[in-house]
């Protein structure tokens, strides 16, 4: 009689508390039972998926299960028997298990289940029924477990209890003997970092500035609890922004992205301030140029009067002048528009749409800005902080998001049917809606502290010089958009400094 050759599939979802069977334990029991049957274990290593769920709720792919199926399909399995420790190790999804059973029947491969101490032949109707009943039971148990966990998680959320890992800024205190959670309190070193970051964003600082300043001090990072100090990730702008989106810092408990009530811990950020943070971070002012890396006041802020694209900075050497000495000596800074594809830059398609001396444009803008600040109608009073105003801002954000998503769908449809006219028509209709909503949202946000400082100042020029370039650019973008128009007819090539070419669009 032929000696049967066996290959194993080993799997475990997790074995944190030692209540399950690890792949090595499964292998040990499989090997013992296979030897007792007088069979030979294949020389190739077992198919093995550690820390991999087999239920429909699994988030990780089972790489070796896919390899097992592929080997069966290609006749490279090279064994007579597939051994598993118990039926649920194979799959907790009925459809997936049926496919495996059918594939084993087609390839004349039998299935050994160690906990049953029995070999199954899926070509046999009774054996097939037993295997499929096991699959139904396994899926049912998986669904029941998932439902229990969901109910437990929802009950925990409704009670305001924390879930998952302890978040940065807080410290969980447990009973020494029962390990029951007693309370959640602010972390003495981490909580001040969260509070500082929130305050500075509300005051108008960039995420880059905040991350840079925190990294300059010996303060703990968000990953320092789980990593050695030399491996703990440094603060980055994205980490700061991500942190300030967490409702827990406002003392709120969320469940599946929705705030369901108060947490059992004290807030580090007042809820109304946290709501303002979400609006500020989602608003158009956080999607503009990176002011912290900018070198010139109006680069990527001033616009071209022809195509409305942002102007860039450019150092030009005056004609006939020989430049010597250090880099940049003898050059003149200009703001210019390079144009956009498809739009000619001049009557002969050469040169720029518009170009102007930077010093003249900056001086003109600042003179008009300071003069404008003396007029009482410059700024509208921001909406009061109440439920109605916050709901109005949320509606504006939803309008912007829905309109942009709609345009993306139109682009995809227009590309599919090659209807450029369809895209242009909808762009013309929807884009103004987005722009109006963005302006309304911008005007409803709290006034920048730098603007308030300038409004109160008796010497605005001196106060302006005391601001860093990031704050200066933020003020400009919040208050006015400078637009530089092309030279008048017959003046091509002169790049003349004429105030008539400058249009200031006040916000």
Protein backbone atom coordinates (compact mmCIF):
# COMPACT_ATOMS: atom_id res chain seq x y z
CA UNK A 1 0.00 0.00 0.00
CA UNK A 2 1.32 3.44 -0.96
CA UNK A 3 2.54 5.62 1.89
CA UNK A 4 0.65 8.94 1.85
CA UNK A 5 2.58 12.20 1.70
CA UNK A 6 1.26 15.12 3.75
CA UNK A 7 1.67 18.90 3.59
CA UNK A 8 0.40 21.21 6.34
CA UNK A 9 -1.39 24.54 6.44
CA UNK A 10 -0.82 26.31 9.75
CA UNK A 11 -2.64 29.48 10.81
CA UNK A 12 -3.32 31.49 13.95
CA UNK A 13 -5.15 34.82 14.25
CA UNK A 14 -3.34 35.83 17.43
CA UNK A 15 -2.00 34.12 20.53
CA UNK A 16 -1.39 37.04 22.89
CA UNK A 17 -2.65 35.33 26.06
CA UNK A 18 -1.68 31.74 25.20
CA UNK A 19 -5.31 30.58 24.79
CA UNK A 20 -4.93 29.63 21.13
CA UNK A 21 -2.63 27.26 19.32
CA UNK A 22 0.42 28.80 17.76
CA UNK A 23 1.61 27.51 14.37
CA UNK A 24 4.49 25.67 16.07
CA UNK A 25 2.09 23.96 18.47
CA UNK A 26 -0.20 23.04 15.60
CA UNK A 27 2.75 21.61 13.70
CA UNK A 28 3.83 19.53 16.70
CA UNK A 29 0.38 17.97 17.12
CA UNK A 30 -0.05 17.51 13.37
CA UNK A 31 3.31 15.77 13.07
CA UNK A 32 2.56 13.40 15.95
CA UNK A 33 -0.83 12.37 14.52
CA UNK A 34 0.60 12.00 10.98
CA UNK A 35 3.38 9.70 12.23
CA UNK A 36 0.83 7.64 14.14
CA UNK A 37 -1.01 7.06 10.86
CA UNK A 38 2.22 5.87 9.22
CA UNK A 39 2.27 8.71 6.72
CA UNK A 40 5.24 10.81 5.58
CA UNK A 41 5.46 14.55 6.22
CA UNK A 42 6.66 16.41 3.11
CA UNK A 43 10.21 17.80 3.17
CA UNK A 44 8.97 21.24 2.08
CA UNK A 45 8.14 23.64 4.91
CA UNK A 46 4.44 23.99 5.83
CA UNK A 47 2.21 26.73 4.47
CA UNK A 48 2.11 29.17 7.38
CA UNK A 49 0.07 32.32 8.11
CA UNK A 50 0.81 33.78 11.54
CA UNK A 51 -1.28 36.63 12.94
CA UNK A 52 -3.77 36.29 10.10
CA UNK A 53 -7.52 36.07 10.56
CA UNK A 54 -9.54 33.85 8.21
CA UNK A 55 -12.88 35.60 8.77
CA UNK A 56 -14.65 38.08 6.52
CA UNK A 57 -13.50 40.84 8.89
CA UNK A 58 -9.82 40.16 8.25
CA UNK A 59 -7.71 43.18 7.33
CA UNK A 60 -4.54 41.32 6.36
CA UNK A 61 -4.10 39.04 3.39
CA UNK A 62 -3.16 35.40 4.00
CA UNK A 63 -0.19 35.08 1.68
CA UNK A 64 0.50 31.38 2.25
CA UNK A 65 -3.16 30.42 1.88
CA UNK A 66 -3.07 32.03 -1.56
CA UNK A 67 0.14 30.10 -2.29
CA UNK A 68 -1.56 26.84 -1.19
CA UNK A 69 -4.48 27.46 -3.56
CA UNK A 70 -2.11 28.40 -6.39
CA UNK A 71 -0.08 25.19 -5.88
CA UNK A 72 -3.25 23.09 -5.95
CA UNK A 73 -4.46 24.82 -9.12
CA UNK A 74 -1.12 24.35 -10.87
CA UNK A 75 -0.62 20.74 -9.69
CA UNK A 76 2.48 21.78 -7.71
CA UNK A 77 1.06 20.76 -4.32
CA UNK A 78 2.99 17.46 -4.60
CA UNK A 79 1.23 15.61 -1.75
CA UNK A 80 -1.72 13.30 -1.14
CA UNK A 81 -3.08 14.93 2.00
CA UNK A 82 -3.59 18.49 3.25
CA UNK A 83 -3.29 18.55 7.05
CA UNK A 84 -4.86 21.24 9.24
CA UNK A 85 -5.15 21.36 13.00
CA UNK A 86 -8.91 22.10 12.92
CA UNK A 87 -11.39 23.07 10.19
CA UNK A 88 -11.50 26.76 11.16
CA UNK A 89 -7.72 26.99 10.60
CA UNK A 90 -8.48 26.62 6.89
CA UNK A 91 -11.14 29.32 6.66
CA UNK A 92 -14.00 30.95 8.52
CA UNK A 93 -15.71 31.92 5.27
CA UNK A 94 -18.04 29.34 3.78
CA UNK A 95 -17.44 30.37 0.17
CA UNK A 96 -13.67 30.26 0.50
CA UNK A 97 -13.78 26.89 2.28
CA UNK A 98 -16.08 25.40 -0.38
CA UNK A 99 -13.64 26.48 -3.09
CA UNK A 100 -10.76 24.78 -1.24
CA UNK A 101 -12.76 21.57 -0.70
CA UNK A 102 -13.76 21.47 -4.37
CA UNK A 103 -10.18 22.08 -5.47
CA UNK A 104 -8.95 19.23 -3.27
CA UNK A 105 -11.59 16.94 -4.80
CA UNK A 106 -10.51 17.88 -8.33
CA UNK A 107 -6.84 17.20 -7.48
CA UNK A 108 -7.60 13.99 -5.52
CA UNK A 109 -6.16 15.52 -2.32
CA UNK A 110 -7.70 14.40 0.98
CA UNK A 111 -7.98 16.59 4.10
CA UNK A 112 -6.72 15.51 7.52
CA UNK A 113 -8.14 17.37 10.56
CA UNK A 114 -5.97 16.70 13.59
CA UNK A 115 -8.55 17.63 16.26
CA UNK A 116 -11.01 15.19 14.61
CA UNK A 117 -8.32 12.52 14.27
CA UNK A 118 -9.87 11.79 10.90
CA UNK A 119 -9.14 12.03 7.19
CA UNK A 120 -11.82 13.37 4.83
CA UNK A 121 -12.27 12.61 1.15
CA UNK A 122 -14.25 15.48 -0.40
CA UNK A 123 -15.29 13.18 -3.24
CA UNK A 124 -17.33 11.30 -0.64
CA UNK A 125 -20.74 12.95 -0.14
CA UNK A 126 -20.85 12.35 3.65
CA UNK A 127 -17.28 13.64 4.13
CA UNK A 128 -18.03 16.68 2.01
CA UNK A 129 -21.14 17.39 4.08
CA UNK A 130 -19.15 17.18 7.32
CA UNK A 131 -16.50 19.57 6.02
CA UNK A 132 -19.11 22.10 4.83
CA UNK A 133 -20.98 21.89 8.15
CA UNK A 134 -17.72 22.75 9.89
CA UNK A 135 -17.34 25.78 7.62
CA UNK A 136 -20.88 27.00 8.42
CA UNK A 137 -20.22 26.60 12.15
CA UNK A 138 -16.89 28.43 11.91
CA UNK A 139 -18.41 31.36 10.01
CA UNK A 140 -21.31 31.52 12.47
CA UNK A 141 -18.94 31.64 15.45
CA UNK A 142 -16.87 34.32 13.71
CA UNK A 143 -19.97 36.45 13.12
CA UNK A 144 -21.13 36.02 16.72
CA UNK A 145 -17.70 37.05 18.00
CA UNK A 146 -17.69 40.12 15.76
CA UNK A 147 -21.18 41.12 16.92
CA UNK A 148 -20.15 40.79 20.57
CA UNK A 149 -17.11 42.93 19.99
CA UNK A 150 -19.13 45.61 18.21
CA UNK A 151 -21.71 45.70 21.00
CA UNK A 152 -18.94 45.88 23.57
CA UNK A 153 -17.13 48.66 21.70
CA UNK A 154 -20.33 50.67 21.32
CA UNK A 155 -21.23 50.23 25.00
CA UNK A 156 -17.71 51.30 25.95
CA UNK A 157 -18.04 54.37 23.72
CA UNK A 158 -21.44 55.30 25.16
CA UNK A 159 -19.96 55.03 28.66
CA UNK A 160 -17.11 57.35 27.67
CA UNK A 161 -14.43 54.75 28.28
CA UNK A 162 -11.26 54.79 26.12
CA UNK A 163 -10.57 52.22 23.45
CA UNK A 164 -7.38 50.90 21.94
CA UNK A 165 -3.95 52.30 22.69
CA UNK A 166 -3.47 55.14 25.11
CA UNK A 167 -3.22 58.36 23.13
CA UNK A 168 -0.40 60.86 23.45
CA UNK A 169 -1.06 63.43 26.19
CA UNK A 170 -2.92 61.12 28.58
CA UNK A 171 -2.01 58.52 31.16
CA UNK A 172 -4.20 55.58 32.12
CA UNK A 173 -4.24 54.54 35.78
CA UNK A 174 -5.14 50.91 36.56
CA UNK A 175 -5.88 49.05 39.78
CA UNK A 176 -2.69 47.38 40.95
CA UNK A 177 -4.33 44.00 41.53
CA UNK A 178 -7.40 43.73 39.29
CA UNK A 179 -5.92 45.76 36.38
CA UNK A 180 -9.29 47.52 36.10
CA UNK A 181 -9.10 51.00 34.59
CA UNK A 182 -9.60 53.56 37.34
CA UNK A 183 -9.15 56.87 35.52
CA UNK A 184 -7.48 58.70 32.64
CA UNK A 185 -5.49 61.78 33.54
CA UNK A 186 -3.32 64.31 31.67
CA UNK A 187 0.28 63.20 31.19
CA UNK A 188 2.55 65.67 33.03
CA UNK A 189 5.08 65.92 30.15
CA UNK A 190 2.94 65.24 27.08
CA UNK A 191 -0.26 67.17 27.80
CA UNK A 192 1.46 70.60 27.67
CA UNK A 193 2.74 69.76 24.17
CA UNK A 194 -0.80 69.11 22.93
CA UNK A 195 -2.10 72.31 24.55
CA UNK A 196 0.73 74.37 23.04
CA UNK A 197 0.20 72.97 19.55
CA UNK A 198 -3.54 73.76 19.65
CA UNK A 199 -2.97 77.28 20.93
CA UNK A 200 -0.39 78.08 18.29
CA UNK A 201 -2.54 76.82 15.40
CA UNK A 202 -5.40 79.00 16.67
CA UNK A 203 -2.95 81.92 16.75
CA UNK A 204 -1.97 81.31 13.13
CA UNK A 205 1.34 79.44 13.37
CA UNK A 206 2.08 76.82 10.73
CA UNK A 207 2.41 73.12 11.49
CA UNK A 208 6.01 73.34 10.30
CA UNK A 209 6.86 76.06 12.83
CA UNK A 210 5.25 74.11 15.65
CA UNK A 211 7.01 70.84 14.76
CA UNK A 212 10.35 72.64 14.38
CA UNK A 213 10.08 74.33 17.79
CA UNK A 214 8.99 71.15 19.57
CA UNK A 215 11.86 69.18 18.04
CA UNK A 216 14.29 71.83 19.30
CA UNK A 217 13.34 71.00 22.88
CA UNK A 218 13.82 67.75 24.82
CA UNK A 219 10.14 66.79 24.85
CA UNK A 220 8.71 63.31 24.25
CA UNK A 221 7.43 62.43 20.78
CA UNK A 222 4.23 60.57 20.00
CA UNK A 223 6.11 57.33 19.33
CA UNK A 224 8.52 57.46 22.26
CA UNK A 225 6.48 55.13 24.48
CA UNK A 226 6.80 52.17 22.15
CA UNK A 227 10.23 52.85 20.64
CA UNK A 228 13.71 53.29 22.09
CA UNK A 229 14.64 56.95 22.45
CA UNK A 230 17.03 56.84 19.48
CA UNK A 231 14.28 55.43 17.26
CA UNK A 232 11.38 57.62 18.40
CA UNK A 233 10.02 59.51 15.42
CA UNK A 234 10.55 63.26 15.40
CA UNK A 235 7.64 65.66 15.13
CA UNK A 236 6.55 66.57 11.59
CA UNK A 237 3.83 68.94 10.30
CA UNK A 238 1.60 65.99 9.38
CA UNK A 239 1.98 64.47 12.86
CA UNK A 240 0.95 67.75 14.51
CA UNK A 241 -2.07 68.08 12.23
CA UNK A 242 -3.09 64.46 12.70
CA UNK A 243 -2.86 64.80 16.48
CA UNK A 244 -5.10 67.87 16.62
CA UNK A 245 -7.87 66.08 14.72
CA UNK A 246 -8.45 63.59 17.58
CA UNK A 247 -11.73 64.38 19.44
CA UNK A 248 -10.35 62.86 22.66
CA UNK A 249 -8.31 66.02 23.26
CA UNK A 250 -11.62 67.91 23.52
CA UNK A 251 -12.79 65.41 26.15
CA UNK A 252 -15.00 63.61 23.62
CA UNK A 253 -15.43 59.90 22.88
CA UNK A 254 -15.87 58.97 19.23
CA UNK A 255 -17.05 55.75 17.64
CA UNK A 256 -16.40 55.01 13.96
CA UNK A 257 -15.60 58.66 13.28
CA UNK A 258 -18.67 60.07 15.07
CA UNK A 259 -18.61 61.84 18.44
CA UNK A 260 -21.02 59.94 20.71
CA UNK A 261 -20.52 61.71 24.04
CA UNK A 262 -18.12 62.89 26.71
CA UNK A 263 -15.10 60.83 27.70
CA UNK A 264 -14.20 59.88 31.25
CA UNK A 265 -11.18 62.19 31.04
CA UNK A 266 -10.67 65.95 31.19
CA UNK A 267 -10.28 67.90 27.96
CA UNK A 268 -6.90 69.39 27.07
CA UNK A 269 -8.55 71.64 24.46
CA UNK A 270 -11.91 73.35 24.99
CA UNK A 271 -14.48 71.77 22.68
CA UNK A 272 -15.31 75.06 20.97
CA UNK A 273 -11.58 75.62 20.33
CA UNK A 274 -11.26 72.09 18.97
CA UNK A 275 -14.15 72.78 16.56
CA UNK A 276 -12.36 75.96 15.44
CA UNK A 277 -9.21 73.92 14.87
CA UNK A 278 -11.05 71.55 12.52
CA UNK A 279 -12.41 74.50 10.52
CA UNK A 280 -9.02 76.20 10.35
CA UNK A 281 -7.26 73.00 9.28
CA UNK A 282 -9.87 72.30 6.61
CA UNK A 283 -10.10 75.88 5.41
CA UNK A 284 -8.49 77.28 2.27
CA UNK A 285 -5.85 79.15 4.28
CA UNK A 286 -4.21 75.79 5.12
CA UNK A 287 -3.98 74.79 1.46
CA UNK A 288 -1.95 77.72 0.21
CA UNK A 289 1.81 78.19 -0.25
CA UNK A 290 4.24 76.93 2.39
CA UNK A 291 4.96 80.24 4.06
CA UNK A 292 7.61 78.82 6.38
CA UNK A 293 9.89 78.05 3.40
CA UNK A 294 9.11 81.17 1.34
CA UNK A 295 11.85 83.75 0.76
CA UNK A 296 9.86 86.53 -0.89
CA UNK A 297 6.75 88.32 0.31
CA UNK A 298 4.45 87.91 -2.71
CA UNK A 299 5.71 84.83 -4.54
CA UNK A 300 2.80 82.45 -5.24
CA UNK A 301 0.41 85.04 -3.71
CA UNK A 302 0.26 87.76 -6.37
CA UNK A 303 -1.54 86.68 -9.53
CA UNK A 304 -1.22 87.22 -13.25
CA UNK A 305 -3.91 89.42 -14.79
CA UNK A 306 -4.08 87.21 -17.90
CA UNK A 307 -4.33 83.66 -16.59
CA UNK A 308 -4.68 84.28 -12.83
CA UNK A 309 -1.83 81.89 -12.10
CA UNK A 310 0.44 82.72 -9.12
CA UNK A 311 3.52 84.82 -9.87
CA UNK A 312 6.99 83.42 -9.23
CA UNK A 313 10.12 85.24 -8.16
CA UNK A 314 13.07 85.67 -10.51
CA UNK A 315 16.44 87.40 -10.23
CA UNK A 316 17.27 89.28 -13.41
CA UNK A 317 20.59 90.84 -14.39
CA UNK A 318 20.11 94.33 -15.90
CA UNK A 319 21.28 94.67 -19.47
CA UNK A 320 24.86 95.78 -20.01
CA UNK A 321 25.86 95.21 -16.38
CA UNK A 322 28.72 92.86 -15.59
CA UNK A 323 28.01 90.97 -12.39
CA UNK A 324 30.94 90.21 -10.11
CA UNK A 325 31.48 89.34 -6.50
CA UNK A 326 29.05 87.31 -4.41
CA UNK A 327 26.09 85.42 -5.88
CA UNK A 328 23.13 87.64 -6.53
CA UNK A 329 25.09 90.90 -6.54
CA UNK A 330 23.91 93.25 -9.26
CA UNK A 331 20.65 91.40 -9.91
CA UNK A 332 17.10 92.69 -9.58
CA UNK A 333 14.23 90.66 -8.18
CA UNK A 334 11.08 90.43 -10.31
CA UNK A 335 7.73 88.69 -9.95
CA UNK A 336 6.68 87.06 -13.22
CA UNK A 337 4.08 84.73 -14.71
CA UNK A 338 5.40 81.85 -16.75
CA UNK A 339 1.97 81.11 -18.17
CA UNK A 340 0.13 77.81 -18.34
CA UNK A 341 0.04 75.14 -21.06
CA UNK A 342 -2.34 75.97 -23.87
CA UNK A 343 -2.44 79.73 -23.28
CA UNK A 344 0.00 81.84 -25.36
CA UNK A 345 2.15 84.10 -23.22
CA UNK A 346 2.26 86.98 -25.67
CA UNK A 347 1.08 88.05 -29.09
CA UNK A 348 3.99 86.11 -30.61
CA UNK A 349 3.89 83.33 -27.99
CA UNK A 350 7.17 84.55 -26.47
CA UNK A 351 8.00 86.18 -23.17
CA UNK A 352 5.82 86.31 -20.06
CA UNK A 353 2.21 87.23 -19.49
CA UNK A 354 3.29 89.78 -16.89
CA UNK A 355 6.44 90.76 -15.04
CA UNK A 356 7.07 93.53 -12.51
CA UNK A 357 9.87 94.67 -10.25
CA UNK A 358 9.39 93.02 -6.84
CA UNK A 359 10.37 96.07 -4.75
CA UNK A 360 7.80 98.26 -6.52
CA UNK A 361 4.97 95.71 -6.22
CA UNK A 362 5.69 95.03 -2.53
CA UNK A 363 5.92 98.77 -1.71
CA UNK A 364 2.64 99.49 -3.52
CA UNK A 365 0.81 96.62 -1.83
CA UNK A 366 2.01 97.57 1.65
CA UNK A 367 1.15 101.24 1.22
CA UNK A 368 -2.37 100.33 0.14
CA UNK A 369 -2.66 97.70 2.88
CA UNK A 370 -1.76 100.14 5.67
CA UNK A 371 -4.10 102.75 4.21
CA UNK A 372 -6.89 100.21 3.95
CA UNK A 373 -6.48 99.29 7.62
CA UNK A 374 -7.63 102.78 8.61
CA UNK A 375 -11.01 102.17 6.98
CA UNK A 376 -13.70 100.68 9.24
CA UNK A 377 -15.17 98.40 6.56
CA UNK A 378 -12.00 96.39 6.01
CA UNK A 379 -12.90 93.41 8.16
CA UNK A 380 -16.26 91.90 8.86
CA UNK A 381 -16.71 90.79 12.45
CA UNK A 382 -16.21 87.01 12.55
CA UNK A 383 -19.28 84.93 13.26
CA UNK A 384 -19.91 84.41 16.98
CA UNK A 385 -18.87 81.08 18.45
CA UNK A 386 -22.19 79.26 18.75
CA UNK A 387 -23.88 76.16 17.41
CA UNK A 388 -25.53 78.02 14.54
CA UNK A 389 -22.32 79.62 13.25
CA UNK A 390 -20.39 76.35 13.54
CA UNK A 391 -23.15 74.58 11.61
CA UNK A 392 -22.97 77.29 8.93
CA UNK A 393 -19.24 76.76 8.53
CA UNK A 394 -19.70 73.00 8.39
CA UNK A 395 -22.25 73.51 5.61
CA UNK A 396 -19.75 75.61 3.65
CA UNK A 397 -17.12 72.89 4.00
CA UNK A 398 -19.63 70.28 2.82
CA UNK A 399 -20.54 72.45 -0.19
CA UNK A 400 -16.87 72.75 -1.16
CA UNK A 401 -16.22 69.02 -0.75
CA UNK A 402 -19.36 67.90 -2.61
CA UNK A 403 -18.74 70.32 -5.49
CA UNK A 404 -15.12 69.24 -5.89
CA UNK A 405 -16.12 65.56 -5.78
CA UNK A 406 -18.78 66.23 -8.42
CA UNK A 407 -16.24 67.87 -10.72
CA UNK A 408 -13.95 64.85 -10.31
CA UNK A 409 -16.81 62.60 -11.42
CA UNK A 410 -17.51 64.88 -14.38
CA UNK A 411 -13.83 64.77 -15.39
CA UNK A 412 -13.88 60.98 -15.33
CA UNK A 413 -17.09 60.83 -17.36
CA UNK A 414 -15.88 63.43 -19.85
CA UNK A 415 -12.63 61.51 -20.32
CA UNK A 416 -14.52 58.26 -20.85
CA UNK A 417 -16.75 59.69 -23.60
CA UNK A 418 -14.21 62.24 -24.82
CA UNK A 419 -16.53 65.17 -24.22
CA UNK A 420 -14.31 68.13 -23.31
CA UNK A 421 -17.26 70.48 -23.80
CA UNK A 422 -19.12 68.69 -21.00
CA UNK A 423 -16.24 69.27 -18.59
CA UNK A 424 -15.83 72.93 -19.55
CA UNK A 425 -19.57 73.57 -19.16
CA UNK A 426 -19.72 72.06 -15.68
CA UNK A 427 -16.47 73.73 -14.61
CA UNK A 428 -17.97 77.09 -15.55
CA UNK A 429 -21.11 76.35 -13.54
CA UNK A 430 -19.64 74.72 -10.43
CA UNK A 431 -16.31 76.50 -9.96
CA UNK A 432 -17.96 79.83 -8.95
CA UNK A 433 -19.96 77.97 -6.29
CA UNK A 434 -16.72 76.61 -4.82
CA UNK A 435 -15.07 80.03 -4.88
CA UNK A 436 -18.02 81.73 -3.16
CA UNK A 437 -18.10 79.06 -0.47
CA UNK A 438 -14.34 79.39 0.10
CA UNK A 439 -14.61 83.18 0.46
CA UNK A 440 -17.52 82.85 2.88
CA UNK A 441 -15.61 80.27 4.94
CA UNK A 442 -12.47 82.40 4.96
CA UNK A 443 -14.41 85.44 6.17
CA UNK A 444 -16.10 83.43 8.93
CA UNK A 445 -12.86 82.21 10.51
CA UNK A 446 -11.33 84.03 13.49
CA UNK A 447 -9.15 87.05 12.66
CA UNK A 448 -5.45 86.25 12.50
CA UNK A 449 -3.58 87.54 15.60
CA UNK A 450 -1.04 89.31 13.35
CA UNK A 451 -3.85 91.26 11.67
CA UNK A 452 -5.28 92.27 15.07
CA UNK A 453 -1.78 93.40 16.09
CA UNK A 454 -1.50 95.59 12.98
CA UNK A 455 -4.99 97.04 13.46
CA UNK A 456 -4.16 98.14 17.01
CA UNK A 457 -0.71 99.49 16.13
CA UNK A 458 -0.04 103.23 15.86
CA UNK A 459 3.09 102.53 13.76
CA UNK A 460 2.10 99.80 11.33
CA UNK A 461 5.34 99.94 9.33
CA UNK A 462 7.40 99.17 12.43
CA UNK A 463 4.97 96.50 13.57
CA UNK A 464 5.10 94.95 10.11
CA UNK A 465 8.88 94.70 10.25
CA UNK A 466 8.63 92.87 13.59
CA UNK A 467 6.65 90.02 11.97
CA UNK A 468 8.47 87.12 10.36
CA UNK A 469 7.88 86.49 6.66
CA UNK A 470 5.47 83.62 7.34
CA UNK A 471 3.19 85.92 9.36
CA UNK A 472 3.52 88.71 6.77
CA UNK A 473 2.50 86.38 3.94
CA UNK A 474 -0.39 85.06 6.01
CA UNK A 475 -1.68 88.60 6.50
CA UNK A 476 -1.43 89.38 2.78
CA UNK A 477 -3.27 86.22 1.77
CA UNK A 478 -5.98 86.85 4.35
CA UNK A 479 -6.61 90.44 3.32
CA UNK A 480 -5.80 91.05 -0.35
CA UNK A 481 -4.88 89.41 -3.66
CA UNK A 482 -2.54 91.56 -5.79
CA UNK A 483 -3.12 91.11 -9.53
CA UNK A 484 -0.46 92.29 -12.02
CA UNK A 485 -1.74 93.09 -15.51
CA UNK A 486 0.23 93.10 -18.75
CA UNK A 487 2.00 96.16 -20.03
CA UNK A 488 0.08 98.62 -22.12
CA UNK A 489 0.37 98.40 -25.90
CA UNK A 490 3.73 99.56 -27.18
CA UNK A 491 5.46 99.08 -23.83
CA UNK A 492 6.50 95.48 -24.36
CA UNK A 493 9.84 94.58 -22.83
CA UNK A 494 10.07 97.52 -20.45
CA UNK A 495 8.57 95.80 -17.39
CA UNK A 496 7.61 99.30 -16.26
CA UNK A 497 6.73 100.01 -12.65
CA UNK A 498 3.29 101.53 -13.07
CA UNK A 499 0.65 101.48 -10.34
CA UNK A 500 -1.96 101.25 -13.09
CA UNK A 501 -0.86 97.69 -13.75
CA UNK A 502 -1.60 96.62 -10.17
CA UNK A 503 -5.13 95.65 -9.16
CA UNK A 504 -5.79 94.88 -5.49
CA UNK A 505 -8.72 92.56 -4.79
CA UNK A 506 -9.71 93.00 -1.15
CA UNK A 507 -11.24 90.10 0.71
